[in-house]
Amino acid sequence: MLKGAESYWIGLSDQHDERTFRWEGTGEEVGFSYWRKHQPDNHGGTEDCTHYYNIDRYKWNDMSCDYQSQYICQRMYKEFSSNERV
């Protein structure tokens, strides 16, 4: 489990189509969810980005995209052959 910061952006938002959460970078619709109870709620009509934090077992919550937080990035994995240099 991640330690340190209390909150992490996970690269998931519904900025382009409300209530349809997509991964940033790929645009793929989310295939699973781990939302906190009663979330996402788009509180105040301004919550389009998703973060998780160390309350309620790191479940997801929607927040304003202007909220400053640490983030988690996905890095594409490339398999190298034994004679290839990294």
N, C-alpha and C. Protein backbone atom coordinates (compact mmCIF):
# COMPACT_ATOMS: atom_id res chain seq x y z
N MET A 1 0.84 -1.17 0.00
CA MET A 1 0.00 0.00 0.00
C MET A 1 0.89 1.24 0.00
N LEU A 2 0.47 2.25 -0.66
CA LEU A 2 1.24 3.49 -0.73
C LEU A 2 1.25 4.18 0.61
N LYS A 3 2.35 4.79 0.93
CA LYS A 3 2.49 5.50 2.20
C LYS A 3 2.81 6.96 1.91
N GLY A 4 2.61 7.80 2.88
CA GLY A 4 2.97 9.21 2.72
C GLY A 4 1.75 10.07 2.50
N ALA A 5 1.53 10.50 1.29
CA ALA A 5 0.40 11.38 0.99
C ALA A 5 -0.91 10.68 1.31
N GLU A 6 -1.89 11.46 1.62
CA GLU A 6 -3.19 10.90 1.98
C GLU A 6 -4.08 10.67 0.79
N SER A 7 -3.82 11.32 -0.32
CA SER A 7 -4.73 11.28 -1.45
C SER A 7 -3.93 11.14 -2.75
N TYR A 8 -4.46 10.39 -3.70
CA TYR A 8 -3.78 10.14 -4.97
C TYR A 8 -4.77 10.24 -6.13
N TRP A 9 -4.45 11.03 -7.12
CA TRP A 9 -5.22 11.02 -8.37
C TRP A 9 -4.92 9.71 -9.08
N ILE A 10 -5.93 9.11 -9.71
CA ILE A 10 -5.69 7.84 -10.39
C ILE A 10 -5.90 7.92 -11.90
N GLY A 11 -6.11 9.12 -12.44
CA GLY A 11 -6.21 9.27 -13.90
C GLY A 11 -7.54 8.85 -14.48
N LEU A 12 -8.61 9.00 -13.71
CA LEU A 12 -9.94 8.61 -14.14
C LEU A 12 -10.86 9.82 -14.01
N SER A 13 -11.60 10.15 -15.07
CA SER A 13 -12.49 11.30 -14.99
C SER A 13 -13.72 11.13 -15.88
N ASP A 14 -14.70 11.99 -15.62
CA ASP A 14 -15.87 12.08 -16.49
C ASP A 14 -16.01 13.50 -17.02
N GLN A 15 -14.87 14.15 -17.27
CA GLN A 15 -14.85 15.53 -17.75
C GLN A 15 -15.53 15.71 -19.10
N HIS A 16 -15.47 14.73 -19.96
CA HIS A 16 -16.00 14.87 -21.31
C HIS A 16 -17.42 14.37 -21.46
N ASP A 17 -17.85 13.49 -20.57
CA ASP A 17 -19.20 12.92 -20.64
C ASP A 17 -19.62 12.56 -19.22
N GLU A 18 -20.42 13.43 -18.61
CA GLU A 18 -20.80 13.25 -17.20
C GLU A 18 -21.37 11.86 -16.94
N ARG A 19 -20.86 11.23 -15.86
CA ARG A 19 -21.24 9.90 -15.39
C ARG A 19 -20.63 8.76 -16.21
N THR A 20 -19.80 9.09 -17.21
CA THR A 20 -19.07 8.06 -17.95
C THR A 20 -17.59 8.28 -17.64
N PHE A 21 -17.07 7.49 -16.74
CA PHE A 21 -15.68 7.65 -16.31
C PHE A 21 -14.74 6.92 -17.25
N ARG A 22 -13.73 7.65 -17.71
CA ARG A 22 -12.74 7.11 -18.65
C ARG A 22 -11.33 7.36 -18.12
N TRP A 23 -10.43 6.45 -18.49
CA TRP A 23 -9.02 6.59 -18.11
C TRP A 23 -8.36 7.64 -18.99
N GLU A 24 -7.65 8.56 -18.36
CA GLU A 24 -6.88 9.56 -19.10
C GLU A 24 -5.79 8.83 -19.87
N GLY A 25 -5.47 9.32 -21.02
CA GLY A 25 -4.42 8.70 -21.83
C GLY A 25 -4.97 7.72 -22.85
N THR A 26 -5.82 6.79 -22.41
CA THR A 26 -6.36 5.81 -23.34
C THR A 26 -7.79 6.14 -23.76
N GLY A 27 -8.53 6.84 -22.91
CA GLY A 27 -9.92 7.14 -23.18
C GLY A 27 -10.85 5.96 -22.97
N GLU A 28 -10.30 4.85 -22.48
CA GLU A 28 -11.12 3.66 -22.25
C GLU A 28 -12.06 3.88 -21.07
N GLU A 29 -13.30 3.41 -21.23
CA GLU A 29 -14.25 3.48 -20.14
C GLU A 29 -13.81 2.53 -19.03
N VAL A 30 -14.02 2.96 -17.80
CA VAL A 30 -13.59 2.15 -16.67
C VAL A 30 -14.32 0.81 -16.68
N GLY A 31 -13.59 -0.27 -16.47
CA GLY A 31 -14.18 -1.61 -16.52
C GLY A 31 -14.55 -2.17 -15.17
N PHE A 32 -14.16 -1.49 -14.11
CA PHE A 32 -14.48 -1.90 -12.76
C PHE A 32 -14.54 -0.63 -11.92
N SER A 33 -15.02 -0.73 -10.70
CA SER A 33 -15.02 0.45 -9.84
C SER A 33 -14.83 0.06 -8.39
N TYR A 34 -14.41 1.02 -7.62
CA TYR A 34 -14.16 0.82 -6.20
C TYR A 34 -14.57 2.08 -5.45
N TRP A 35 -15.76 2.58 -5.75
CA TRP A 35 -16.25 3.83 -5.20
C TRP A 35 -16.62 3.70 -3.72
N ARG A 36 -16.41 4.79 -2.99
CA ARG A 36 -16.94 4.89 -1.63
C ARG A 36 -18.46 4.90 -1.71
N LYS A 37 -19.11 4.60 -0.64
CA LYS A 37 -20.56 4.62 -0.58
C LYS A 37 -21.06 6.02 -0.96
N HIS A 38 -22.08 6.08 -1.79
CA HIS A 38 -22.71 7.32 -2.27
C HIS A 38 -21.81 8.11 -3.22
N GLN A 39 -20.84 7.48 -3.80
CA GLN A 39 -19.94 8.14 -4.76
C GLN A 39 -20.03 7.41 -6.09
N PRO A 40 -19.77 8.03 -7.19
CA PRO A 40 -19.49 9.46 -7.35
C PRO A 40 -20.78 10.27 -7.20
N ASP A 41 -20.65 11.49 -6.66
CA ASP A 41 -21.84 12.31 -6.45
C ASP A 41 -21.79 13.66 -7.17
N ASN A 42 -20.65 13.99 -7.78
CA ASN A 42 -20.50 15.26 -8.49
C ASN A 42 -20.99 16.43 -7.64
N HIS A 43 -20.59 16.46 -6.39
CA HIS A 43 -21.01 17.47 -5.43
C HIS A 43 -20.77 18.89 -5.98
N GLY A 44 -21.80 19.68 -5.99
CA GLY A 44 -21.69 21.06 -6.48
C GLY A 44 -21.57 21.15 -7.99
N GLY A 45 -21.66 20.01 -8.67
CA GLY A 45 -21.56 20.01 -10.13
C GLY A 45 -20.15 20.24 -10.65
N THR A 46 -19.15 20.08 -9.78
CA THR A 46 -17.77 20.39 -10.18
C THR A 46 -16.80 19.24 -9.97
N GLU A 47 -17.28 18.04 -9.65
CA GLU A 47 -16.38 16.93 -9.35
C GLU A 47 -16.31 15.97 -10.54
N ASP A 48 -15.23 16.07 -11.30
CA ASP A 48 -15.08 15.24 -12.50
C ASP A 48 -13.88 14.31 -12.45
N CYS A 49 -12.98 14.50 -11.50
CA CYS A 49 -11.78 13.66 -11.44
C CYS A 49 -11.86 12.73 -10.23
N THR A 50 -11.13 11.62 -10.32
CA THR A 50 -11.21 10.58 -9.30
C THR A 50 -9.90 10.46 -8.55
N HIS A 51 -10.00 10.39 -7.25
CA HIS A 51 -8.83 10.12 -6.41
C HIS A 51 -9.22 9.06 -5.39
N TYR A 52 -8.21 8.51 -4.77
CA TYR A 52 -8.49 7.66 -3.63
C TYR A 52 -7.60 8.09 -2.49
N TYR A 53 -8.07 7.85 -1.29
CA TYR A 53 -7.34 8.32 -0.14
C TYR A 53 -7.48 7.36 1.02
N ASN A 54 -6.70 7.61 2.06
CA ASN A 54 -6.54 6.62 3.12
C ASN A 54 -7.70 6.61 4.12
N ILE A 55 -8.90 6.84 3.64
CA ILE A 55 -10.10 6.68 4.44
C ILE A 55 -10.94 5.62 3.73
N ASP A 56 -11.55 4.77 4.46
CA ASP A 56 -12.44 3.75 3.89
C ASP A 56 -11.72 2.84 2.90
N ARG A 57 -10.57 2.33 3.31
CA ARG A 57 -9.82 1.33 2.53
C ARG A 57 -9.42 1.80 1.14
N TYR A 58 -9.05 3.03 1.02
CA TYR A 58 -8.58 3.61 -0.25
C TYR A 58 -9.62 3.50 -1.36
N LYS A 59 -10.89 3.62 -1.01
CA LYS A 59 -11.92 3.60 -2.05
C LYS A 59 -11.93 4.92 -2.81
N TRP A 60 -12.54 4.91 -3.97
CA TRP A 60 -12.53 6.06 -4.87
C TRP A 60 -13.54 7.12 -4.44
N ASN A 61 -13.23 8.37 -4.79
CA ASN A 61 -14.10 9.50 -4.55
C ASN A 61 -13.92 10.47 -5.72
N ASP A 62 -14.99 11.14 -6.13
CA ASP A 62 -14.83 12.16 -7.17
C ASP A 62 -14.59 13.51 -6.50
N MET A 63 -13.70 14.29 -7.09
CA MET A 63 -13.32 15.61 -6.58
C MET A 63 -13.17 16.56 -7.75
N SER A 64 -13.11 17.83 -7.43
CA SER A 64 -12.80 18.83 -8.45
C SER A 64 -11.40 18.54 -8.99
N CYS A 65 -11.23 18.69 -10.27
CA CYS A 65 -9.92 18.43 -10.89
C CYS A 65 -8.88 19.48 -10.48
N ASP A 66 -9.32 20.57 -9.86
CA ASP A 66 -8.41 21.62 -9.38
C ASP A 66 -7.78 21.28 -8.03
N TYR A 67 -8.30 20.27 -7.36
CA TYR A 67 -7.77 19.86 -6.07
C TYR A 67 -6.34 19.36 -6.24
N GLN A 68 -5.43 19.86 -5.42
CA GLN A 68 -4.03 19.45 -5.55
C GLN A 68 -3.78 18.19 -4.72
N SER A 69 -3.20 17.21 -5.39
CA SER A 69 -2.94 15.93 -4.75
C SER A 69 -1.77 15.26 -5.46
N GLN A 70 -1.22 14.24 -4.84
CA GLN A 70 -0.22 13.41 -5.51
C GLN A 70 -0.95 12.60 -6.57
N TYR A 71 -0.22 11.91 -7.41
CA TYR A 71 -0.87 11.13 -8.46
C TYR A 71 -0.13 9.83 -8.70
N ILE A 72 -0.85 8.92 -9.33
CA ILE A 72 -0.28 7.63 -9.71
C ILE A 72 -0.34 7.55 -11.22
N CYS A 73 0.75 7.15 -11.84
CA CYS A 73 0.80 7.02 -13.30
C CYS A 73 0.95 5.56 -13.69
N GLN A 74 0.43 5.25 -14.85
CA GLN A 74 0.62 3.92 -15.41
C GLN A 74 1.73 4.01 -16.43
N ARG A 75 2.63 3.08 -16.38
CA ARG A 75 3.72 3.04 -17.35
C ARG A 75 3.55 1.79 -18.19
N MET A 76 3.61 1.96 -19.47
CA MET A 76 3.47 0.82 -20.36
C MET A 76 4.68 -0.09 -20.21
N TYR A 77 4.44 -1.36 -20.16
CA TYR A 77 5.49 -2.36 -19.99
C TYR A 77 5.92 -2.87 -21.35
N LYS A 78 7.21 -2.89 -21.57
CA LYS A 78 7.74 -3.45 -22.81
C LYS A 78 8.64 -4.61 -22.45
N GLU A 79 8.39 -5.73 -23.05
CA GLU A 79 9.21 -6.90 -22.80
C GLU A 79 10.44 -6.84 -23.72
N PHE A 80 11.60 -7.05 -23.16
CA PHE A 80 12.85 -7.00 -23.91
C PHE A 80 13.39 -8.40 -24.11
N SER A 81 13.98 -8.62 -25.26
CA SER A 81 14.64 -9.90 -25.49
C SER A 81 16.01 -9.86 -24.80
N SER A 82 16.63 -11.00 -24.62
CA SER A 82 17.90 -11.07 -23.90
C SER A 82 19.04 -10.37 -24.62
N ASN A 83 18.94 -10.14 -25.92
CA ASN A 83 20.03 -9.46 -26.64
C ASN A 83 19.73 -7.97 -26.88
N GLU A 84 18.65 -7.48 -26.36
CA GLU A 84 18.27 -6.08 -26.54
C GLU A 84 18.77 -5.26 -25.36
N ARG A 85 19.27 -4.06 -25.63
CA ARG A 85 19.73 -3.16 -24.58
C ARG A 85 18.56 -2.33 -24.08
N VAL A 86 18.56 -2.07 -22.80
CA VAL A 86 17.51 -1.24 -22.19
C VAL A 86 17.95 0.20 -22.16
